[in-house]
Amino acid sequence: MSLEPIARFIMIAGVVLFLVGGLIYLLSRLGVNLFQLPGDIRFESGNLTCVVPLVSSILLSILLTVILNLIIRYLNR
């Protein structure tokens, strides 16, 4: 069994995580808040705050699905 595909996957995942982290860092430095979208629900009562990120969860799910499908297609060549 060759470990080459696993190593390639880990390297690609690392690069993707690095790029996403850098993008989030740069956007936060510019004052853009990606995690408070219009469809997210926020309840505040006294000292209690409850946030339900519906739209953020849906967008993150779609993005990760596309990325993982591209990685799997690349590895199955």
N, C-alpha and C. Protein backbone atom coordinates (compact mmCIF):
# COMPACT_ATOMS: atom_id res chain seq x y z
N MET A 1 0.84 -1.18 0.00
CA MET A 1 0.00 0.00 0.00
C MET A 1 0.89 1.25 0.00
N SER A 2 0.62 2.11 -0.93
CA SER A 2 1.41 3.33 -1.05
C SER A 2 0.81 4.45 -0.19
N LEU A 3 1.66 5.18 0.48
CA LEU A 3 1.22 6.30 1.30
C LEU A 3 1.23 7.62 0.53
N GLU A 4 1.61 7.56 -0.74
CA GLU A 4 1.71 8.78 -1.53
C GLU A 4 0.38 9.54 -1.65
N PRO A 5 -0.76 8.89 -1.92
CA PRO A 5 -2.02 9.64 -2.00
C PRO A 5 -2.41 10.30 -0.68
N ILE A 6 -2.14 9.63 0.42
CA ILE A 6 -2.46 10.19 1.73
C ILE A 6 -1.59 11.41 2.00
N ALA A 7 -0.32 11.30 1.68
CA ALA A 7 0.59 12.43 1.88
C ALA A 7 0.18 13.62 1.00
N ARG A 8 -0.19 13.35 -0.23
CA ARG A 8 -0.64 14.42 -1.13
C ARG A 8 -1.89 15.09 -0.58
N PHE A 9 -2.84 14.30 -0.09
CA PHE A 9 -4.07 14.85 0.48
C PHE A 9 -3.77 15.74 1.69
N ILE A 10 -2.89 15.29 2.56
CA ILE A 10 -2.55 16.08 3.76
C ILE A 10 -1.87 17.39 3.36
N MET A 11 -1.00 17.33 2.36
CA MET A 11 -0.33 18.56 1.92
C MET A 11 -1.32 19.54 1.30
N ILE A 12 -2.23 19.04 0.48
CA ILE A 12 -3.24 19.91 -0.15
C ILE A 12 -4.16 20.49 0.92
N ALA A 13 -4.58 19.68 1.88
CA ALA A 13 -5.44 20.16 2.96
C ALA A 13 -4.72 21.23 3.77
N GLY A 14 -3.44 21.06 4.01
CA GLY A 14 -2.67 22.05 4.76
C GLY A 14 -2.58 23.37 4.01
N VAL A 15 -2.36 23.30 2.72
CA VAL A 15 -2.28 24.53 1.91
C VAL A 15 -3.63 25.23 1.88
N VAL A 16 -4.71 24.47 1.73
CA VAL A 16 -6.05 25.05 1.71
C VAL A 16 -6.35 25.71 3.05
N LEU A 17 -6.04 25.05 4.15
CA LEU A 17 -6.28 25.63 5.47
C LEU A 17 -5.46 26.90 5.68
N PHE A 18 -4.22 26.89 5.21
CA PHE A 18 -3.37 28.06 5.32
C PHE A 18 -3.95 29.23 4.54
N LEU A 19 -4.41 28.98 3.32
CA LEU A 19 -4.97 30.04 2.49
C LEU A 19 -6.27 30.58 3.07
N VAL A 20 -7.13 29.70 3.56
CA VAL A 20 -8.40 30.14 4.16
C VAL A 20 -8.12 30.94 5.43
N GLY A 21 -7.19 30.48 6.24
CA GLY A 21 -6.82 31.22 7.45
C GLY A 21 -6.26 32.59 7.13
N GLY A 22 -5.41 32.67 6.12
CA GLY A 22 -4.86 33.96 5.71
C GLY A 22 -5.94 34.90 5.19
N LEU A 23 -6.88 34.36 4.42
CA LEU A 23 -7.97 35.18 3.91
C LEU A 23 -8.84 35.72 5.04
N ILE A 24 -9.18 34.87 6.00
CA ILE A 24 -9.98 35.31 7.14
C ILE A 24 -9.22 36.35 7.95
N TYR A 25 -7.94 36.15 8.14
CA TYR A 25 -7.12 37.12 8.87
C TYR A 25 -7.12 38.47 8.17
N LEU A 26 -6.89 38.47 6.85
CA LEU A 26 -6.86 39.73 6.11
C LEU A 26 -8.21 40.43 6.13
N LEU A 27 -9.29 39.67 5.98
CA LEU A 27 -10.62 40.28 6.00
C LEU A 27 -10.95 40.85 7.38
N SER A 28 -10.51 40.19 8.43
CA SER A 28 -10.78 40.71 9.77
C SER A 28 -9.99 41.99 10.02
N ARG A 29 -8.78 42.10 9.44
CA ARG A 29 -7.99 43.32 9.58
C ARG A 29 -8.63 44.48 8.83
N LEU A 30 -9.41 44.17 7.79
CA LEU A 30 -10.09 45.20 7.01
C LEU A 30 -11.44 45.58 7.64
N GLY A 31 -11.84 44.89 8.69
CA GLY A 31 -13.10 45.20 9.37
C GLY A 31 -14.31 44.46 8.84
N VAL A 32 -14.08 43.48 7.97
CA VAL A 32 -15.18 42.69 7.42
C VAL A 32 -15.50 41.56 8.40
N ASN A 33 -16.76 41.45 8.80
CA ASN A 33 -17.16 40.39 9.72
C ASN A 33 -17.95 39.35 8.93
N LEU A 34 -17.31 38.22 8.63
CA LEU A 34 -17.95 37.17 7.83
C LEU A 34 -18.96 36.33 8.60
N PHE A 35 -18.90 36.38 9.90
CA PHE A 35 -19.68 35.43 10.68
C PHE A 35 -20.91 36.05 11.32
N GLN A 36 -21.38 37.17 10.82
CA GLN A 36 -22.65 37.74 11.25
C GLN A 36 -23.44 38.10 10.00
N LEU A 37 -23.93 37.10 9.31
CA LEU A 37 -24.68 37.30 8.08
C LEU A 37 -26.14 37.60 8.41
N PRO A 38 -26.89 38.16 7.45
CA PRO A 38 -28.27 38.56 7.72
C PRO A 38 -29.20 37.44 8.18
N GLY A 39 -28.96 36.20 7.80
CA GLY A 39 -29.84 35.10 8.19
C GLY A 39 -29.50 34.47 9.52
N ASP A 40 -28.46 34.94 10.19
CA ASP A 40 -28.06 34.39 11.48
C ASP A 40 -28.96 34.97 12.57
N ILE A 41 -29.35 34.13 13.50
CA ILE A 41 -30.28 34.54 14.57
C ILE A 41 -29.48 34.79 15.84
N ARG A 42 -29.80 35.90 16.52
CA ARG A 42 -29.08 36.27 17.74
C ARG A 42 -30.10 36.68 18.80
N PHE A 43 -30.05 36.00 19.96
CA PHE A 43 -30.91 36.32 21.09
C PHE A 43 -30.06 36.91 22.20
N GLU A 44 -30.47 38.05 22.74
CA GLU A 44 -29.76 38.66 23.86
C GLU A 44 -30.77 38.94 24.98
N SER A 45 -30.41 38.49 26.17
CA SER A 45 -31.27 38.73 27.32
C SER A 45 -30.39 38.87 28.55
N GLY A 46 -30.23 40.07 29.02
CA GLY A 46 -29.40 40.30 30.20
C GLY A 46 -27.96 39.90 29.94
N ASN A 47 -27.47 38.93 30.72
CA ASN A 47 -26.10 38.45 30.56
C ASN A 47 -25.99 37.27 29.61
N LEU A 48 -27.11 36.86 29.01
CA LEU A 48 -27.12 35.68 28.15
C LEU A 48 -27.20 36.10 26.69
N THR A 49 -26.33 35.56 25.86
CA THR A 49 -26.36 35.77 24.41
C THR A 49 -26.33 34.42 23.73
N CYS A 50 -27.28 34.18 22.83
CA CYS A 50 -27.35 32.92 22.10
C CYS A 50 -27.34 33.24 20.61
N VAL A 51 -26.40 32.67 19.89
CA VAL A 51 -26.27 32.91 18.45
C VAL A 51 -26.51 31.60 17.72
N VAL A 52 -27.41 31.63 16.71
CA VAL A 52 -27.69 30.47 15.88
C VAL A 52 -27.30 30.84 14.45
N PRO A 53 -26.12 30.41 13.99
CA PRO A 53 -25.62 30.83 12.67
C PRO A 53 -26.17 29.97 11.53
N LEU A 54 -27.44 30.16 11.17
CA LEU A 54 -28.06 29.34 10.13
C LEU A 54 -27.42 29.55 8.76
N VAL A 55 -27.37 30.79 8.30
CA VAL A 55 -26.83 31.08 6.97
C VAL A 55 -25.33 30.77 6.91
N SER A 56 -24.61 31.11 7.96
CA SER A 56 -23.17 30.81 8.00
C SER A 56 -22.93 29.31 7.89
N SER A 57 -23.74 28.51 8.57
CA SER A 57 -23.58 27.06 8.52
C SER A 57 -23.87 26.51 7.13
N ILE A 58 -24.90 27.03 6.49
CA ILE A 58 -25.24 26.57 5.14
C ILE A 58 -24.14 26.92 4.15
N LEU A 59 -23.64 28.16 4.21
CA LEU A 59 -22.57 28.56 3.30
C LEU A 59 -21.29 27.77 3.53
N LEU A 60 -20.95 27.54 4.78
CA LEU A 60 -19.76 26.76 5.11
C LEU A 60 -19.90 25.32 4.62
N SER A 61 -21.08 24.75 4.76
CA SER A 61 -21.33 23.39 4.29
C SER A 61 -21.17 23.30 2.77
N ILE A 62 -21.72 24.26 2.04
CA ILE A 62 -21.60 24.25 0.58
C ILE A 62 -20.14 24.41 0.17
N LEU A 63 -19.43 25.33 0.79
CA LEU A 63 -18.02 25.57 0.46
C LEU A 63 -17.17 24.33 0.72
N LEU A 64 -17.35 23.70 1.89
CA LEU A 64 -16.56 22.51 2.20
C LEU A 64 -16.91 21.34 1.29
N THR A 65 -18.17 21.21 0.90
CA THR A 65 -18.57 20.15 -0.02
C THR A 65 -17.88 20.32 -1.37
N VAL A 66 -17.85 21.53 -1.88
CA VAL A 66 -17.19 21.79 -3.16
C VAL A 66 -15.69 21.52 -3.06
N ILE A 67 -15.06 21.99 -2.00
CA ILE A 67 -13.61 21.79 -1.84
C ILE A 67 -13.28 20.32 -1.72
N LEU A 68 -14.01 19.58 -0.89
CA LEU A 68 -13.73 18.15 -0.73
C LEU A 68 -13.99 17.37 -2.01
N ASN A 69 -15.02 17.73 -2.77
CA ASN A 69 -15.27 17.05 -4.05
C ASN A 69 -14.14 17.31 -5.03
N LEU A 70 -13.61 18.53 -5.06
CA LEU A 70 -12.48 18.82 -5.95
C LEU A 70 -11.24 18.04 -5.54
N ILE A 71 -10.98 17.94 -4.25
CA ILE A 71 -9.82 17.19 -3.77
C ILE A 71 -9.97 15.72 -4.10
N ILE A 72 -11.15 15.15 -3.89
CA ILE A 72 -11.37 13.73 -4.17
C ILE A 72 -11.22 13.45 -5.67
N ARG A 73 -11.76 14.33 -6.51
CA ARG A 73 -11.60 14.14 -7.95
C ARG A 73 -10.14 14.21 -8.38
N TYR A 74 -9.39 15.13 -7.75
CA TYR A 74 -7.97 15.27 -8.06
C TYR A 74 -7.20 14.02 -7.66
N LEU A 75 -7.53 13.45 -6.51
CA LEU A 75 -6.80 12.27 -6.01
C LEU A 75 -7.16 11.01 -6.80
N ASN A 76 -8.34 10.96 -7.42
CA ASN A 76 -8.77 9.75 -8.14
C ASN A 76 -8.31 9.74 -9.61
N ARG A 77 -7.45 10.64 -10.01
CA ARG A 77 -6.95 10.64 -11.40
C ARG A 77 -6.18 9.41 -11.71
